[in-house]
Amino acid sequence: MVYKEFIKKIKEAINQKKYTLKEAAEYAKIDVSYLSKIISGKRNPPYEEETIKRIAKFLDIDEDELLFSAGRVPNKYLQNFSSKEILLCLKQYLFNKKFL
């Protein structure tokens, strides 16, 4: 699955803020080649929530929005919902963003 919205958000923020991929990768504590592959659609977004949060913080993107666009449900919401409810909400979010 290509995470188009995730990729778009990162690309736009990097260009808008005039950062390099290397700067973003260093802040997120990931390899620059890995970030490059994510942006080119060759790799999925990071699995770790903290990594995505670091990317969001560096690029001034809403953490929850970036997590959802990466197909992740923020941990702070997991304790409040059943797995079925989470999947339903995520599917609705993705459908609204035209990921499906």
C-alpha atoms as a PDB file:
ATOM      1  CA  MET A   1       0.000   0.000   0.000  1.00  0.00           C
ATOM      2  CA  VAL A   2       1.341   3.421  -0.891  1.00  0.00           C
ATOM      3  CA  TYR A   3       0.697   5.976   1.796  1.00  0.00           C
ATOM      4  CA  LYS A   4       0.044   8.901  -0.526  1.00  0.00           C
ATOM      5  CA  GLU A   5      -1.199  11.338   2.108  1.00  0.00           C
ATOM      6  CA  PHE A   6       1.724  10.552   4.434  1.00  0.00           C
ATOM      7  CA  ILE A   7       4.201  11.078   1.590  1.00  0.00           C
ATOM      8  CA  LYS A   8       2.473  14.266   0.448  1.00  0.00           C
ATOM      9  CA  LYS A   9       2.509  15.790   3.938  1.00  0.00           C
ATOM     10  CA  ILE A  10       6.207  15.095   4.407  1.00  0.00           C
ATOM     11  CA  LYS A  11       7.213  16.298   0.946  1.00  0.00           C
ATOM     12  CA  GLU A  12       5.231  19.518   1.265  1.00  0.00           C
ATOM     13  CA  ALA A  13       6.578  20.300   4.727  1.00  0.00           C
ATOM     14  CA  ILE A  14      10.190  19.629   3.733  1.00  0.00           C
ATOM     15  CA  ASN A  15       9.854  21.847   0.661  1.00  0.00           C
ATOM     16  CA  GLN A  16       7.953  24.564   2.502  1.00  0.00           C
ATOM     17  CA  LYS A  17      10.465  24.747   5.333  1.00  0.00           C
ATOM     18  CA  LYS A  18      13.413  24.309   2.950  1.00  0.00           C
ATOM     19  CA  TYR A  19      14.837  21.401   4.927  1.00  0.00           C
ATOM     20  CA  THR A  20      16.894  18.621   3.470  1.00  0.00           C
ATOM     21  CA  LEU A  21      15.985  14.955   3.748  1.00  0.00           C
ATOM     22  CA  LYS A  22      19.162  14.519   5.755  1.00  0.00           C
ATOM     23  CA  GLU A  23      18.056  17.106   8.339  1.00  0.00           C
ATOM     24  CA  ALA A  24      14.627  15.503   8.687  1.00  0.00           C
ATOM     25  CA  ALA A  25      16.093  11.998   8.917  1.00  0.00           C
ATOM     26  CA  GLU A  26      18.657  13.017  11.536  1.00  0.00           C
ATOM     27  CA  TYR A  27      15.981  14.636  13.705  1.00  0.00           C
ATOM     28  CA  ALA A  28      13.752  11.571  13.358  1.00  0.00           C
ATOM     29  CA  LYS A  29      16.721   9.308  14.130  1.00  0.00           C
ATOM     30  CA  ILE A  30      16.342   7.298  10.925  1.00  0.00           C
ATOM     31  CA  ASP A  31      18.639   6.718   7.989  1.00  0.00           C
ATOM     32  CA  VAL A  32      18.328   9.263   5.181  1.00  0.00           C
ATOM     33  CA  SER A  33      18.116   6.482   2.579  1.00  0.00           C
ATOM     34  CA  TYR A  34      15.169   4.976   4.482  1.00  0.00           C
ATOM     35  CA  LEU A  35      13.355   8.345   4.511  1.00  0.00           C
ATOM     36  CA  SER A  36      14.087   8.736   0.809  1.00  0.00           C
ATOM     37  CA  LYS A  37      12.573   5.312   0.092  1.00  0.00           C
ATOM     38  CA  ILE A  38       9.484   6.191   2.139  1.00  0.00           C
ATOM     39  CA  ILE A  39       8.988   9.404   0.162  1.00  0.00           C
ATOM     40  CA  SER A  40       9.461   7.589  -3.140  1.00  0.00           C
ATOM     41  CA  GLY A  41       6.858   4.988  -2.113  1.00  0.00           C
ATOM     42  CA  LYS A  42       9.352   2.121  -1.991  1.00  0.00           C
ATOM     43  CA  ARG A  43       9.054   1.640   1.777  1.00  0.00           C
ATOM     44  CA  ASN A  44       6.196   1.929   4.229  1.00  0.00           C
ATOM     45  CA  PRO A  45       6.165   4.627   6.912  1.00  0.00           C
ATOM     46  CA  PRO A  46       8.009   3.765  10.123  1.00  0.00           C
ATOM     47  CA  TYR A  47       6.188   1.351  12.400  1.00  0.00           C
ATOM     48  CA  GLU A  48       7.253   3.088  15.603  1.00  0.00           C
ATOM     49  CA  GLU A  49       4.895   5.823  16.745  1.00  0.00           C
ATOM     50  CA  GLU A  50       7.731   7.819  18.285  1.00  0.00           C
ATOM     51  CA  THR A  51       9.581   7.973  14.959  1.00  0.00           C
ATOM     52  CA  ILE A  52       6.518   9.354  13.192  1.00  0.00           C
ATOM     53  CA  LYS A  53       5.998  11.832  16.043  1.00  0.00           C
ATOM     54  CA  ARG A  54       9.598  13.049  15.694  1.00  0.00           C
ATOM     55  CA  ILE A  55       9.084  13.577  11.963  1.00  0.00           C
ATOM     56  CA  ALA A  56       5.841  15.454  12.681  1.00  0.00           C
ATOM     57  CA  LYS A  57       7.466  17.640  15.326  1.00  0.00           C
ATOM     58  CA  PHE A  58      10.427  18.533  13.109  1.00  0.00           C
ATOM     59  CA  LEU A  59       8.197  19.356  10.146  1.00  0.00           C
ATOM     60  CA  ASP A  60       5.492  21.064  12.248  1.00  0.00           C
ATOM     61  CA  ILE A  61       2.779  18.606  11.211  1.00  0.00           C
ATOM     62  CA  ASP A  62      -0.005  17.520  13.551  1.00  0.00           C
ATOM     63  CA  GLU A  63       1.192  14.245  15.124  1.00  0.00           C
ATOM     64  CA  ASP A  64      -2.168  12.512  15.065  1.00  0.00           C
ATOM     65  CA  GLU A  65      -2.796  13.483  11.472  1.00  0.00           C
ATOM     66  CA  LEU A  66       0.589  12.148  10.365  1.00  0.00           C
ATOM     67  CA  LEU A  67       0.079   8.941  12.343  1.00  0.00           C
ATOM     68  CA  PHE A  68      -3.345   8.350  10.806  1.00  0.00           C
ATOM     69  CA  SER A  69      -1.995   9.069   7.324  1.00  0.00           C
ATOM     70  CA  ALA A  70       0.659   6.409   8.014  1.00  0.00           C
ATOM     71  CA  GLY A  71      -2.107   3.922   8.791  1.00  0.00           C
ATOM     72  CA  ARG A  72      -1.463   4.018  12.531  1.00  0.00           C
ATOM     73  CA  VAL A  73      -3.851   4.734  15.375  1.00  0.00           C
ATOM     74  CA  PRO A  74      -2.134   6.880  18.023  1.00  0.00           C
ATOM     75  CA  ASN A  75      -1.571   4.911  21.208  1.00  0.00           C
ATOM     76  CA  LYS A  76      -3.435   7.503  23.265  1.00  0.00           C
ATOM     77  CA  TYR A  77      -6.644   6.438  21.496  1.00  0.00           C
ATOM     78  CA  LEU A  78      -6.134   2.693  21.692  1.00  0.00           C
ATOM     79  CA  GLN A  79      -7.133   2.385  25.336  1.00  0.00           C
ATOM     80  CA  ASN A  80     -10.497   4.030  24.680  1.00  0.00           C
ATOM     81  CA  PHE A  81     -11.760   1.803  21.876  1.00  0.00           C
ATOM     82  CA  SER A  82     -12.141  -1.824  20.970  1.00  0.00           C
ATOM     83  CA  SER A  83     -10.165  -3.200  18.017  1.00  0.00           C
ATOM     84  CA  LYS A  84     -13.312  -3.288  15.910  1.00  0.00           C
ATOM     85  CA  GLU A  85     -14.085   0.377  16.630  1.00  0.00           C
ATOM     86  CA  ILE A  86     -10.516   1.398  15.839  1.00  0.00           C
ATOM     87  CA  LEU A  87     -10.560  -0.434  12.526  1.00  0.00           C
ATOM     88  CA  LEU A  88     -13.883   1.142  11.614  1.00  0.00           C
ATOM     89  CA  CYS A  89     -12.600   4.648  12.413  1.00  0.00           C
ATOM     90  CA  LEU A  90      -9.367   4.062  10.526  1.00  0.00           C
ATOM     91  CA  LYS A  91     -11.191   2.715   7.480  1.00  0.00           C
ATOM     92  CA  GLN A  92     -13.494   5.745   7.522  1.00  0.00           C
ATOM     93  CA  TYR A  93     -10.536   8.116   7.783  1.00  0.00           C
ATOM     94  CA  LEU A  94      -8.706   6.385   4.962  1.00  0.00           C
ATOM     95  CA  PHE A  95     -11.820   6.297   2.804  1.00  0.00           C
ATOM     96  CA  ASN A  96     -12.321  10.029   3.311  1.00  0.00           C
ATOM     97  CA  LYS A  97      -8.693  10.603   2.293  1.00  0.00           C
ATOM     98  CA  LYS A  98      -9.209   8.360  -0.758  1.00  0.00           C
ATOM     99  CA  PHE A  99      -6.557   5.849   0.298  1.00  0.00           C
ATOM    100  CA  LEU A 100      -8.790   2.854  -0.370  1.00  0.00           C
END
